[in-house]
Amino acid sequence: MCRNIKPLFNFEPPATGNEMHDAALQFVRKISGYNTPSQANEAAFYEAVEEVEKTVRKLLRALETNAPPKDREIEAAKKRERNKLRFGT
């Protein structure tokens, strides 16, 4: 759906509250079509961000896996390498 929303599950260290908030904000921005809502829509917009963030936290607590946690630095390096191949230097 949105390239800027990153997977947050099964990483070491675990996703931070900031990362969950940023993902929720990006999701609501995408759904609403607003980068910054108008004053008339501001309350509904930020309420939706809070609700999505709560749902993300609940989901990440409930998910289970037998796979070992992924290392953030290694995954970031892989992403940089894929971007080099895709876009060049």
Protein backbone atom coordinates (compact mmCIF):
# COMPACT_ATOMS: atom_id res chain seq x y z
CA MET A 1 0.00 0.00 0.00
CA CYS A 2 2.62 2.53 1.00
CA ARG A 3 6.33 2.13 0.51
CA ASN A 4 7.13 4.24 3.56
CA ILE A 5 5.44 1.90 6.03
CA LYS A 6 8.08 -0.57 7.21
CA PRO A 7 7.52 -4.00 8.77
CA LEU A 8 7.72 -3.69 12.56
CA PHE A 9 7.29 -7.28 13.72
CA ASN A 10 10.07 -9.62 14.81
CA PHE A 11 12.99 -7.21 14.96
CA GLU A 12 15.72 -6.88 17.53
CA PRO A 13 15.52 -4.41 19.13
CA PRO A 14 11.71 -4.34 18.99
CA ALA A 15 9.80 -1.53 17.30
CA THR A 16 9.73 1.69 19.28
CA GLY A 17 6.67 3.73 20.12
CA ASN A 18 7.92 6.34 17.68
CA GLU A 19 8.06 3.81 14.84
CA MET A 20 4.53 2.63 15.62
CA HIS A 21 3.27 6.21 15.71
CA ASP A 22 5.02 7.05 12.42
CA ALA A 23 3.49 4.00 10.72
CA ALA A 24 0.03 4.93 12.03
CA LEU A 25 0.45 8.52 10.87
CA GLN A 26 1.60 7.42 7.40
CA PHE A 27 -1.35 5.03 7.14
CA VAL A 28 -3.91 7.70 8.09
CA ARG A 29 -2.27 10.17 5.70
CA LYS A 30 -2.57 7.66 2.88
CA ILE A 31 -6.19 6.77 3.65
CA SER A 32 -7.34 10.37 4.16
CA GLY A 33 -5.34 11.92 1.35
CA TYR A 34 -4.09 14.62 3.74
CA ASN A 35 -0.48 15.26 4.60
CA THR A 36 -1.69 17.86 7.09
CA PRO A 37 -5.43 17.99 7.78
CA SER A 38 -7.49 21.17 7.70
CA GLN A 39 -8.63 22.64 11.01
CA ALA A 40 -12.09 21.21 10.39
CA ASN A 41 -10.67 17.67 10.07
CA GLU A 42 -7.75 17.91 12.50
CA ALA A 43 -9.49 16.27 15.50
CA ALA A 44 -10.78 13.32 13.47
CA PHE A 45 -7.42 12.90 11.75
CA TYR A 46 -5.38 12.73 14.95
CA GLU A 47 -7.97 10.57 16.69
CA ALA A 48 -7.63 8.10 13.83
CA VAL A 49 -3.83 8.16 14.20
CA GLU A 50 -4.19 7.31 17.91
CA GLU A 51 -6.63 4.48 17.21
CA VAL A 52 -4.43 2.97 14.50
CA GLU A 53 -1.39 3.23 16.78
CA LYS A 54 -3.28 1.38 19.56
CA THR A 55 -4.23 -1.32 17.08
CA VAL A 56 -0.62 -1.64 15.89
CA ARG A 57 0.60 -2.05 19.48
CA LYS A 58 -2.08 -4.66 20.17
CA LEU A 59 -1.23 -6.56 16.98
CA LEU A 60 2.52 -6.59 17.63
CA ARG A 61 1.95 -7.89 21.18
CA ALA A 62 -0.33 -10.67 19.91
CA LEU A 63 1.76 -11.93 16.98
CA GLU A 64 3.91 -15.01 17.51
CA THR A 65 6.68 -16.57 15.48
CA ASN A 66 9.28 -19.30 15.76
CA ALA A 67 11.65 -17.39 13.47
CA PRO A 68 14.61 -15.69 15.10
CA PRO A 69 14.34 -11.89 15.32
CA LYS A 70 15.80 -9.96 12.40
CA ASP A 71 18.65 -7.56 13.06
CA ARG A 72 17.72 -4.00 12.11
CA GLU A 73 21.21 -3.11 10.88
CA ILE A 74 21.48 -6.17 8.65
CA GLU A 75 18.01 -5.55 7.18
CA ALA A 76 18.88 -1.87 6.57
CA ALA A 77 22.08 -2.91 4.78
CA LYS A 78 20.12 -5.32 2.58
CA LYS A 79 17.67 -2.54 1.72
CA ARG A 80 20.50 -0.16 0.82
CA GLU A 81 22.02 -2.82 -1.44
CA ARG A 82 18.66 -3.44 -3.18
CA ASN A 83 18.29 0.31 -3.70
CA LYS A 84 21.77 0.51 -5.23
CA LEU A 85 20.86 -2.23 -7.70
CA ARG A 86 17.52 -0.63 -8.46
CA PHE A 87 18.51 3.04 -8.66
CA GLY A 88 22.29 2.97 -9.10
CA THR A 89 24.77 4.83 -6.91
